[in-house]
Protein backbone atom coordinates (compact mmCIF):
# COMPACT_ATOMS: atom_id res chain seq x y z
CA MET A 1 44.06 74.54 -128.45
CA ALA A 2 46.39 76.61 -130.61
CA LYS A 3 50.08 76.07 -129.96
CA LYS A 4 51.73 79.04 -128.28
CA ASN A 5 54.54 80.53 -130.32
CA LYS A 6 57.96 80.43 -128.71
CA THR A 7 59.30 83.80 -127.59
CA THR A 8 62.14 85.08 -129.78
CA ILE A 9 64.81 87.74 -129.46
CA LYS A 10 62.75 89.84 -131.85
CA ASP A 11 59.80 89.79 -129.42
CA ILE A 12 62.02 91.15 -126.64
CA ALA A 13 63.44 93.78 -128.99
CA ASN A 14 59.93 94.96 -129.96
CA VAL A 15 58.91 95.43 -126.32
CA LEU A 16 62.00 97.53 -125.57
CA ASN A 17 62.13 99.23 -128.99
CA ILE A 18 65.77 98.24 -129.51
CA SER A 19 67.51 96.09 -132.12
CA GLY A 20 67.65 92.32 -131.98
CA ALA A 21 71.44 92.55 -132.03
CA ALA A 22 71.37 94.65 -128.87
CA VAL A 23 69.13 92.11 -127.14
CA SER A 24 71.45 89.26 -128.13
CA LYS A 25 74.50 91.12 -126.82
CA ALA A 26 72.70 91.96 -123.58
CA LEU A 27 71.75 88.32 -123.02
CA HIS A 28 75.41 87.35 -123.56
CA ASN A 29 76.58 90.03 -121.11
CA ASP A 30 78.45 91.99 -123.80
CA SER A 31 80.50 94.80 -122.25
CA ARG A 32 79.34 97.21 -124.98
CA ILE A 33 75.78 97.14 -123.60
CA SER A 34 74.92 99.27 -120.55
CA GLU A 35 73.93 97.59 -117.29
CA LYS A 36 70.59 99.39 -117.45
CA THR A 37 69.79 97.83 -120.84
CA LYS A 38 70.99 94.40 -119.74
CA LYS A 39 68.73 94.53 -116.71
CA ALA A 40 65.75 95.57 -118.81
CA VAL A 41 66.39 92.83 -121.37
CA ARG A 42 66.67 90.14 -118.68
CA GLN A 43 63.43 91.30 -117.05
CA VAL A 44 61.47 91.25 -120.32
CA ALA A 45 63.00 87.89 -121.23
CA LYS A 46 61.81 86.53 -117.87
CA ASN A 47 58.33 88.04 -118.27
CA LEU A 48 57.95 86.52 -121.74
CA ASN A 49 59.42 83.16 -120.62
CA TYR A 50 62.17 83.40 -123.20
CA GLN A 51 64.17 80.16 -123.69
CA PRO A 52 67.48 80.49 -125.54
CA ASN A 53 68.04 78.35 -128.63
CA HIS A 54 71.00 76.22 -127.58
CA LEU A 55 71.27 74.60 -131.01
CA ALA A 56 71.66 77.96 -132.71
CA SER A 57 74.15 79.01 -130.06
CA ALA A 58 76.12 75.82 -130.64
CA LEU A 59 76.25 76.48 -134.36
CA ARG A 60 77.64 79.96 -133.69
CA SER A 61 80.17 79.03 -131.02
CA GLY A 62 81.10 75.52 -132.11
CA LYS A 63 80.41 74.29 -128.55
CA SER A 64 77.06 73.07 -127.25
CA LYS A 65 78.31 72.04 -123.78
CA LEU A 66 76.25 68.88 -124.31
CA VAL A 67 77.54 65.31 -124.24
CA GLY A 68 75.50 62.40 -125.58
CA VAL A 69 75.35 59.17 -123.59
CA ILE A 70 74.10 55.96 -125.22
CA VAL A 71 73.33 52.88 -123.11
CA PRO A 72 71.60 49.59 -123.95
CA ARG A 73 69.06 50.18 -121.16
CA THR A 74 68.58 52.46 -118.17
CA ASN A 75 66.84 49.93 -115.91
CA SER A 76 70.18 48.30 -115.12
CA ASN A 77 71.84 49.46 -111.92
CA PHE A 78 75.24 49.32 -113.64
CA PHE A 79 74.20 51.64 -116.48
CA ALA A 80 72.17 53.93 -114.21
CA ALA A 81 75.09 54.29 -111.80
CA THR A 82 77.55 54.84 -114.66
CA ILE A 83 75.33 57.58 -116.11
CA HIS A 84 75.08 59.21 -112.67
CA ASN A 85 78.85 59.37 -112.34
CA ILE A 86 79.36 60.61 -115.91
CA GLU A 87 76.88 63.41 -115.26
CA GLU A 88 78.40 64.33 -111.91
CA VAL A 89 81.86 64.84 -113.39
CA LEU A 90 80.64 66.69 -116.50
CA ASN A 91 78.28 68.99 -114.58
CA GLU A 92 81.23 70.24 -112.55
CA GLU A 93 82.78 71.44 -115.81
CA GLY A 94 79.61 73.12 -117.12
CA TYR A 95 78.44 70.27 -119.37
CA ASN A 96 75.01 68.67 -119.47
CA ILE A 97 74.25 65.21 -120.82
CA ILE A 98 71.60 63.86 -123.17
CA ILE A 99 70.75 60.24 -122.27
CA THR A 100 69.52 57.83 -124.93
CA GLN A 101 68.95 54.09 -124.75
CA SER A 102 69.07 51.58 -127.56
CA ASN A 103 67.01 48.87 -125.85
CA GLU A 104 69.63 46.50 -127.33
CA SER A 105 68.44 47.48 -130.83
CA TYR A 106 70.97 48.21 -133.59
CA LYS A 107 68.37 50.26 -135.49
CA LYS A 108 67.55 52.41 -132.47
CA GLU A 109 71.23 52.87 -131.70
CA CYS A 110 71.74 54.25 -135.22
CA ALA A 111 68.82 56.65 -134.71
CA ASN A 112 70.24 57.74 -131.35
CA ILE A 113 73.56 58.63 -132.93
CA ASP A 114 71.87 60.59 -135.73
CA THR A 115 69.85 62.55 -133.16
CA LEU A 116 72.87 63.36 -131.01
CA LEU A 117 74.94 64.47 -134.00
CA PHE A 118 72.06 66.67 -135.19
CA THR A 119 71.92 68.20 -131.70
CA GLN A 120 75.57 69.21 -132.09
CA VAL A 121 76.81 67.38 -128.99
CA ASP A 122 80.47 67.93 -128.18
CA GLY A 123 81.13 64.23 -127.67
CA ILE A 124 79.49 60.84 -127.21
CA ILE A 125 80.03 58.24 -124.49
CA ALA A 126 78.50 54.91 -125.49
CA SER A 127 77.95 51.28 -124.59
CA MET A 128 76.85 49.21 -127.57
CA ALA A 129 73.64 47.28 -128.12
CA ASN A 130 73.64 43.48 -128.19
CA GLU A 131 72.48 43.55 -131.82
CA THR A 132 75.35 45.75 -133.01
CA VAL A 133 77.80 44.13 -135.41
CA ASP A 134 78.19 46.75 -138.17
CA LEU A 135 80.08 49.76 -136.80
CA ASN A 136 79.47 52.30 -139.59
CA HIS A 137 77.13 54.40 -137.43
CA PHE A 138 79.89 54.80 -134.84
CA GLU A 139 82.35 55.74 -137.60
CA LYS A 140 80.01 58.68 -138.33
CA ILE A 141 80.86 60.08 -134.89
CA LYS A 142 84.57 59.96 -135.62
CA ALA A 143 83.99 61.50 -139.06
CA ALA A 144 82.15 64.39 -137.37
CA GLY A 145 85.38 65.22 -135.54
CA ILE A 146 84.05 64.77 -132.01
CA PRO A 147 85.42 62.35 -129.41
CA LEU A 148 83.82 58.94 -128.95
CA ILE A 149 84.45 57.08 -125.70
CA THR A 150 83.10 53.54 -125.28
CA PHE A 151 82.58 51.66 -122.03
CA ASP A 152 81.58 48.15 -120.96
CA ARG A 153 80.75 47.19 -124.53
CA GLY A 154 83.01 48.57 -127.25
CA GLU A 155 84.85 47.19 -130.23
CA ASN A 156 88.61 47.46 -130.74
CA ASP A 157 88.09 47.97 -134.49
CA LEU A 158 86.85 51.51 -133.79
CA ASN A 159 90.24 52.61 -132.40
CA VAL A 160 88.67 54.79 -129.72
CA ASP A 161 88.98 55.00 -125.95
CA TYR A 162 87.47 52.12 -123.98
CA ILE A 163 86.87 51.68 -120.26
CA GLY A 164 85.68 48.39 -118.78
CA ILE A 165 86.51 45.43 -116.60
CA ASP A 166 88.61 42.39 -117.50
CA ASP A 167 85.82 40.13 -118.76
CA TYR A 168 88.16 37.25 -119.58
CA ASP A 169 89.67 37.28 -116.11
CA SER A 170 86.20 37.64 -114.54
CA SER A 171 85.32 34.16 -115.79
CA HIS A 172 88.51 32.76 -114.30
CA VAL A 173 87.68 34.36 -110.94
CA ILE A 174 84.16 32.88 -111.01
CA VAL A 175 85.21 29.38 -112.09
CA ASN A 176 88.06 29.35 -109.55
CA HIS A 177 85.58 30.25 -106.80
CA LEU A 178 83.14 27.51 -107.85
CA VAL A 179 85.93 24.92 -108.01
CA GLU A 180 86.98 25.94 -104.49
CA GLN A 181 83.41 25.18 -103.42
CA GLY A 182 83.74 21.66 -104.82
CA CYS A 183 81.82 22.19 -108.09
CA LYS A 184 82.86 19.86 -110.91
CA ARG A 185 80.24 20.39 -113.63
CA ILE A 186 79.92 24.12 -114.26
CA ALA A 187 77.48 25.48 -116.86
CA HIS A 188 77.59 28.98 -118.37
CA ILE A 189 74.55 30.98 -119.50
CA SER A 190 76.34 33.59 -121.59
CA GLY A 191 75.42 36.63 -123.61
CA PHE A 192 75.72 36.44 -127.40
CA LYS A 193 79.31 35.65 -128.34
CA ARG A 194 79.19 38.17 -131.21
CA THR A 195 79.44 40.84 -128.49
CA ARG A 196 83.06 41.26 -127.44
CA ILE A 197 82.53 41.28 -123.66
CA TYR A 198 80.48 38.09 -123.74
CA ASN A 199 82.91 36.45 -126.13
CA ASN A 200 85.70 37.28 -123.68
CA ARG A 201 83.70 35.82 -120.80
CA ILE A 202 83.08 32.64 -122.82
CA ARG A 203 86.79 32.32 -123.63
CA GLY A 204 87.66 32.85 -119.97
CA TYR A 205 85.11 30.22 -118.92
CA ILE A 206 86.46 27.66 -121.40
CA ASP A 207 90.11 28.27 -120.48
CA ALA A 208 89.32 28.15 -116.74
CA LEU A 209 87.56 24.79 -117.14
CA GLN A 210 90.55 23.43 -119.03
CA LYS A 211 92.93 24.74 -116.33
CA HIS A 212 91.01 22.72 -113.74
CA ASN A 213 90.61 19.66 -116.01
CA LEU A 214 86.84 20.02 -115.93
CA PRO A 215 84.49 18.87 -118.73
CA LEU A 216 83.66 21.33 -121.51
CA GLU A 217 80.44 20.25 -123.19
CA ASN A 218 78.28 22.13 -125.69
CA GLU A 219 75.15 21.40 -123.66
CA LEU A 220 76.62 23.33 -120.72
CA LEU A 221 77.25 26.54 -122.71
CA LEU A 222 74.08 28.41 -123.66
CA GLU A 223 73.82 31.83 -125.34
CA SER A 224 71.07 34.14 -124.06
CA ASP A 225 69.70 37.66 -124.31
CA LEU A 226 70.21 37.68 -120.50
CA SER A 227 66.65 38.80 -119.73
CA THR A 228 64.93 37.38 -116.65
CA GLU A 229 62.58 35.34 -118.84
CA ASP A 230 65.43 33.89 -120.91
CA GLY A 231 67.29 33.09 -117.70
CA ARG A 232 64.29 31.00 -116.68
CA LYS A 233 64.23 29.20 -120.05
CA LYS A 234 67.95 28.46 -120.09
CA MET A 235 67.91 27.21 -116.49
CA GLN A 236 65.04 24.88 -117.33
CA GLN A 237 67.03 23.66 -120.36
CA LEU A 238 69.96 22.81 -118.08
CA LEU A 239 67.66 21.03 -115.61
CA ASN A 240 66.33 18.87 -118.46
CA LEU A 241 69.80 17.42 -119.08
CA LYS A 242 70.39 13.82 -118.14
CA ASN A 243 73.49 14.93 -116.25
CA ARG A 244 72.68 18.24 -114.59
CA PRO A 245 75.33 20.83 -113.71
CA ASP A 246 76.24 21.38 -110.08
CA ALA A 247 76.93 25.08 -110.71
CA VAL A 248 75.68 27.72 -113.15
CA TYR A 249 77.58 30.91 -114.01
CA VAL A 250 75.25 33.48 -115.59
CA ALA A 251 76.64 36.49 -117.49
CA GLY A 252 73.97 38.89 -116.18
CA ASP A 253 72.10 39.29 -112.89
CA TYR A 254 68.64 39.59 -114.47
CA ALA A 255 69.07 36.20 -116.15
CA ALA A 256 70.55 34.86 -112.89
CA LEU A 257 67.36 36.01 -111.13
CA GLY A 258 65.28 34.07 -113.66
CA ALA A 259 67.48 31.02 -113.14
CA LEU A 260 67.06 31.30 -109.36
CA GLN A 261 63.27 31.55 -109.72
CA ILE A 262 63.19 28.24 -111.59
CA LEU A 263 65.49 26.56 -109.06
CA ASN A 264 63.30 27.76 -106.18
CA GLU A 265 60.10 26.68 -107.96
CA LYS A 266 61.57 23.20 -108.54
CA LYS A 267 62.61 22.98 -104.87
CA ILE A 268 66.25 22.58 -105.89
CA LYS A 269 68.52 23.66 -103.06
CA VAL A 270 70.83 26.56 -103.89
CA PRO A 271 73.76 26.23 -103.49
CA GLN A 272 73.82 22.66 -102.06
CA GLU A 273 72.49 21.01 -105.24
CA ILE A 274 73.30 23.76 -107.76
CA ALA A 275 75.47 26.79 -107.00
CA LEU A 276 74.66 30.04 -108.81
CA VAL A 277 76.76 33.08 -109.77
CA GLY A 278 75.51 36.18 -111.60
CA PHE A 279 77.19 39.23 -113.10
CA GLY A 280 76.61 42.97 -112.56
CA ASP A 281 75.88 43.13 -108.83
CA GLU A 282 72.36 44.53 -109.24
CA PRO A 283 70.76 45.68 -105.93
CA PHE A 284 68.27 42.80 -105.97
CA ALA A 285 71.16 40.30 -105.87
CA ASN A 286 71.51 41.15 -102.18
CA MET A 287 67.75 41.00 -101.50
CA VAL A 288 66.60 37.63 -102.84
CA THR A 289 66.84 34.26 -101.07
CA PRO A 290 69.49 33.04 -101.26
CA LYS A 291 71.49 36.18 -102.01
CA ILE A 292 73.25 35.94 -105.38
CA THR A 293 77.02 35.93 -105.72
CA SER A 294 77.89 38.43 -108.47
CA VAL A 295 80.64 40.48 -110.10
CA ASN A 296 80.85 44.19 -109.33
CA GLN A 297 81.60 46.10 -112.54
CA HIS A 298 82.98 49.29 -110.97
CA SER A 299 80.28 51.62 -112.33
CA TYR A 300 81.62 54.48 -110.18
CA LYS A 301 85.11 54.28 -111.64
CA ILE A 302 83.98 53.59 -115.21
CA GLY A 303 81.59 56.56 -115.26
CA ARG A 304 84.13 59.00 -113.85
CA ILE A 305 86.98 57.80 -116.08
CA ALA A 306 84.76 58.00 -119.19
CA ALA A 307 83.77 61.59 -118.34
CA GLU A 308 87.34 62.60 -117.51
CA THR A 309 88.54 61.08 -120.79
CA PHE A 310 86.05 63.24 -122.70
CA LEU A 311 87.14 66.34 -120.77
CA GLY A 312 90.72 65.65 -121.80
CA TYR A 313 89.66 65.87 -125.44
CA SER A 314 87.46 68.92 -124.83
CA LYS A 315 90.53 70.99 -124.02
CA LYS A 316 92.13 70.22 -127.39
CA THR A 317 91.57 72.34 -130.47
CA LYS A 318 91.96 69.32 -132.75
CA ILE A 319 90.69 65.83 -131.96
CA GLU A 320 93.21 63.13 -132.84
CA GLN A 321 91.78 60.06 -131.20
CA SER A 322 93.61 56.80 -130.61
CA LEU A 323 92.78 53.54 -128.88
CA ASN A 324 93.35 53.90 -125.14
CA LYS A 325 92.11 50.94 -123.11
CA ILE A 326 91.55 51.17 -119.37
CA ILE A 327 90.78 47.73 -117.96
CA LEU A 328 89.74 47.35 -114.32
CA ASP A 329 90.08 44.14 -112.32
CA ALA A 330 86.96 42.10 -111.65
CA LYS A 331 85.61 42.06 -108.10
CA LEU A 332 83.60 39.00 -107.06
CA ILE A 333 81.03 39.67 -104.33
CA VAL A 334 80.53 36.26 -102.70
CA ARG A 335 77.08 35.58 -101.22
CA GLU A 336 75.05 32.54 -100.17
CA SER A 337 74.07 31.32 -103.68
CA SER A 338 77.53 29.89 -104.34
CA LEU A 339 78.72 28.90 -100.84
CA LYS A 340 78.26 25.14 -100.54
CA ASN A 341 78.62 25.29 -96.76
CA TYR A 342 75.75 27.78 -96.46
CA ASN A 343 72.95 26.35 -94.29
CA LEU A 344 69.44 27.16 -95.48
């Protein structure tokens, strides 16, 4: 089947026997065009299913009213909820968003940025991929003269706005809770320490153990991609130790789910034998047995603040960006998986 050609302004002009310039002005509600002509142009445009070229319009006006959003994945409740709140705020101001996901791939993240810049977005709100170490692709955004706002995962070296929770303090809150439950040998399944948020959580975990005079052993600290499958593997690795932990703090709920699956399969009582804490407060954390204690990451606040930060720049004629950090306190949602006095 032959591809149908897209309707152009010239097609509308030919039907009405007027100039293309007159059609363009009519579509933009130019006061120099009569209401009769405007009405005729709109009707023909509708009949021919005319779709305006937003890219060309952006090139002419310097504003596309589009904002790019880059997330590691969209199947996370945290990222999905953050996107929802970004979109809600921006829609109210006449902006639409283009959502891209890196799937934790540095290469795909680079391609996403190139695509968004080519599309002439007015700004980019991003959370970095796990693989990202080199920041040159993000520097391209700054060089393009449009605002870059990072959230959840962002690097201070970029000197751009960042919104997230206190990851270092989150680990203290979790370890303190587990100590209060009588745990004395606490393991941590972390993300990759090359990523700032996971490095901060690792530092918080280590310092919290030291504060409580608890053992810090290499075998109790395992890096992970935080997938469900890797959560299963890391939990099994901890169970193979001669001296098992009595609590496991996992830096992501999907990996915590995998860890819980292994514990349930091995008939290990949670939390009586091993307490479990996740991170991210995914909806399933409140649906499994036992329900998983987790950290709420304030997706509502982070999404709205990120969007509002962009809107602040959108009102400026010249973008002079500086590092503004907004750090929200961690909120631990305590459930059965970490309460030692919970009766199964």
